[in-house]
């Protein structure tokens, strides 16, 4: 699974270095990662 952000990459290398190495191999080198990724809004249910 590739990294989604620089923050995720830093946290993963600090807490799970072996898994982070596998993820780093799957992350494209040309892709510039954002510093942080904003959380998605929850899907809203249609009103009745």
N, C-alpha and C. Protein backbone atom coordinates (compact mmCIF):
# COMPACT_ATOMS: atom_id res chain seq x y z
N UNK A 1 0.85 -1.17 0.00
CA UNK A 1 0.00 0.00 0.00
C UNK A 1 0.90 1.24 0.00
N UNK A 2 0.73 2.13 -0.93
CA UNK A 2 1.58 3.33 -0.96
C UNK A 2 1.16 4.36 0.09
N UNK A 3 2.10 5.22 0.45
CA UNK A 3 1.82 6.28 1.41
C UNK A 3 0.90 7.31 0.80
N UNK A 4 0.05 7.92 1.64
CA UNK A 4 -0.85 8.98 1.16
C UNK A 4 -0.33 10.36 1.50
N UNK A 5 0.57 10.47 2.51
CA UNK A 5 1.07 11.78 2.90
C UNK A 5 2.44 11.64 3.56
N UNK A 6 3.14 12.78 3.66
CA UNK A 6 4.43 12.80 4.35
C UNK A 6 4.26 12.50 5.83
N UNK A 7 3.19 12.99 6.43
CA UNK A 7 2.93 12.74 7.84
C UNK A 7 2.77 11.23 8.10
N UNK A 8 2.06 10.56 7.22
CA UNK A 8 1.87 9.12 7.35
C UNK A 8 3.22 8.40 7.20
N UNK A 9 4.03 8.83 6.26
CA UNK A 9 5.33 8.21 6.04
C UNK A 9 6.23 8.36 7.27
N UNK A 10 6.28 9.56 7.83
CA UNK A 10 7.12 9.80 9.02
C UNK A 10 6.65 8.97 10.20
N UNK A 11 5.33 8.92 10.42
CA UNK A 11 4.79 8.15 11.54
C UNK A 11 5.09 6.66 11.37
N UNK A 12 4.93 6.17 10.16
CA UNK A 12 5.14 4.74 9.90
C UNK A 12 6.60 4.35 10.11
N UNK A 13 7.55 5.18 9.66
CA UNK A 13 8.96 4.86 9.87
C UNK A 13 9.32 4.93 11.35
N UNK A 14 8.66 5.78 12.13
CA UNK A 14 8.95 5.89 13.56
C UNK A 14 8.38 4.73 14.36
N UNK A 15 7.21 4.22 13.95
CA UNK A 15 6.55 3.18 14.75
C UNK A 15 6.67 1.77 14.18
N UNK A 16 6.65 1.63 12.85
CA UNK A 16 6.70 0.31 12.20
C UNK A 16 7.70 0.35 11.03
N UNK A 17 9.00 0.38 11.32
CA UNK A 17 9.98 0.56 10.23
C UNK A 17 9.98 -0.55 9.17
N UNK A 18 9.74 -1.78 9.56
CA UNK A 18 9.76 -2.88 8.58
C UNK A 18 8.60 -2.74 7.58
N UNK A 19 7.41 -2.44 8.09
CA UNK A 19 6.26 -2.25 7.22
C UNK A 19 6.45 -1.00 6.36
N UNK A 20 7.06 0.03 6.93
CA UNK A 20 7.29 1.27 6.20
C UNK A 20 8.21 1.04 5.00
N UNK A 21 9.19 0.18 5.15
CA UNK A 21 10.09 -0.12 4.04
C UNK A 21 9.33 -0.77 2.88
N UNK A 22 8.39 -1.67 3.21
CA UNK A 22 7.59 -2.32 2.16
C UNK A 22 6.70 -1.29 1.46
N UNK A 23 6.09 -0.40 2.25
CA UNK A 23 5.22 0.63 1.67
C UNK A 23 6.03 1.59 0.82
N UNK A 24 7.24 1.93 1.25
CA UNK A 24 8.08 2.87 0.50
C UNK A 24 8.42 2.28 -0.88
N UNK A 25 8.60 0.97 -0.95
CA UNK A 25 8.90 0.33 -2.22
C UNK A 25 7.70 0.43 -3.18
N UNK A 26 6.48 0.51 -2.64
CA UNK A 26 5.28 0.58 -3.47
C UNK A 26 4.88 2.01 -3.81
N UNK A 27 5.45 3.01 -3.14
CA UNK A 27 5.11 4.41 -3.40
C UNK A 27 5.95 4.90 -4.58
N UNK A 28 5.31 5.45 -5.61
CA UNK A 28 6.06 5.93 -6.76
C UNK A 28 7.02 7.05 -6.37
N UNK A 29 8.23 7.01 -6.91
CA UNK A 29 9.25 8.01 -6.56
C UNK A 29 8.93 9.38 -7.15
N UNK A 30 8.27 9.42 -8.29
CA UNK A 30 7.98 10.71 -8.93
C UNK A 30 6.81 11.43 -8.27
N UNK A 31 6.01 10.70 -7.50
CA UNK A 31 4.84 11.30 -6.86
C UNK A 31 5.27 12.15 -5.67
N UNK A 32 4.84 13.40 -5.67
CA UNK A 32 5.12 14.30 -4.55
C UNK A 32 3.97 14.17 -3.55
N UNK A 33 4.27 13.73 -2.33
CA UNK A 33 3.24 13.51 -1.34
C UNK A 33 2.84 14.82 -0.67
N UNK A 34 1.55 14.99 -0.39
CA UNK A 34 1.14 16.18 0.37
C UNK A 34 1.62 16.08 1.82
N UNK A 35 1.72 17.20 2.51
CA UNK A 35 2.16 17.19 3.90
C UNK A 35 1.15 16.42 4.74
N UNK A 36 -0.12 16.76 4.60
CA UNK A 36 -1.19 16.04 5.30
C UNK A 36 -2.37 15.90 4.35
N UNK A 37 -3.19 14.90 4.61
CA UNK A 37 -4.40 14.67 3.81
C UNK A 37 -5.59 14.99 4.70
N UNK A 38 -6.50 15.80 4.19
CA UNK A 38 -7.69 16.15 4.96
C UNK A 38 -8.64 14.96 5.02
N UNK A 39 -9.35 14.85 6.14
CA UNK A 39 -10.32 13.77 6.30
C UNK A 39 -11.51 14.02 5.39
N UNK A 40 -12.08 12.95 4.89
CA UNK A 40 -13.25 13.04 4.03
C UNK A 40 -14.47 13.32 4.89
N UNK A 41 -15.42 14.03 4.32
CA UNK A 41 -16.69 14.24 5.01
C UNK A 41 -17.49 12.96 4.94
N UNK A 42 -18.23 12.69 5.99
CA UNK A 42 -19.08 11.50 6.01
C UNK A 42 -20.22 11.68 5.02
N UNK A 43 -20.60 10.61 4.39
CA UNK A 43 -21.70 10.65 3.43
C UNK A 43 -22.99 10.96 4.18
N UNK A 44 -23.76 11.87 3.65
CA UNK A 44 -25.01 12.23 4.31
C UNK A 44 -26.16 11.44 3.71
N UNK A 45 -27.07 11.11 4.56
CA UNK A 45 -28.24 10.38 4.08
C UNK A 45 -29.25 11.36 3.52
N UNK A 46 -29.97 10.97 2.48
CA UNK A 46 -31.00 11.88 1.94
C UNK A 46 -32.12 12.07 2.96
N UNK A 47 -32.66 13.29 3.02
CA UNK A 47 -33.76 13.58 3.93
C UNK A 47 -35.05 13.02 3.38
N UNK A 48 -35.90 12.61 4.26
CA UNK A 48 -37.19 12.05 3.85
C UNK A 48 -38.25 13.09 3.87
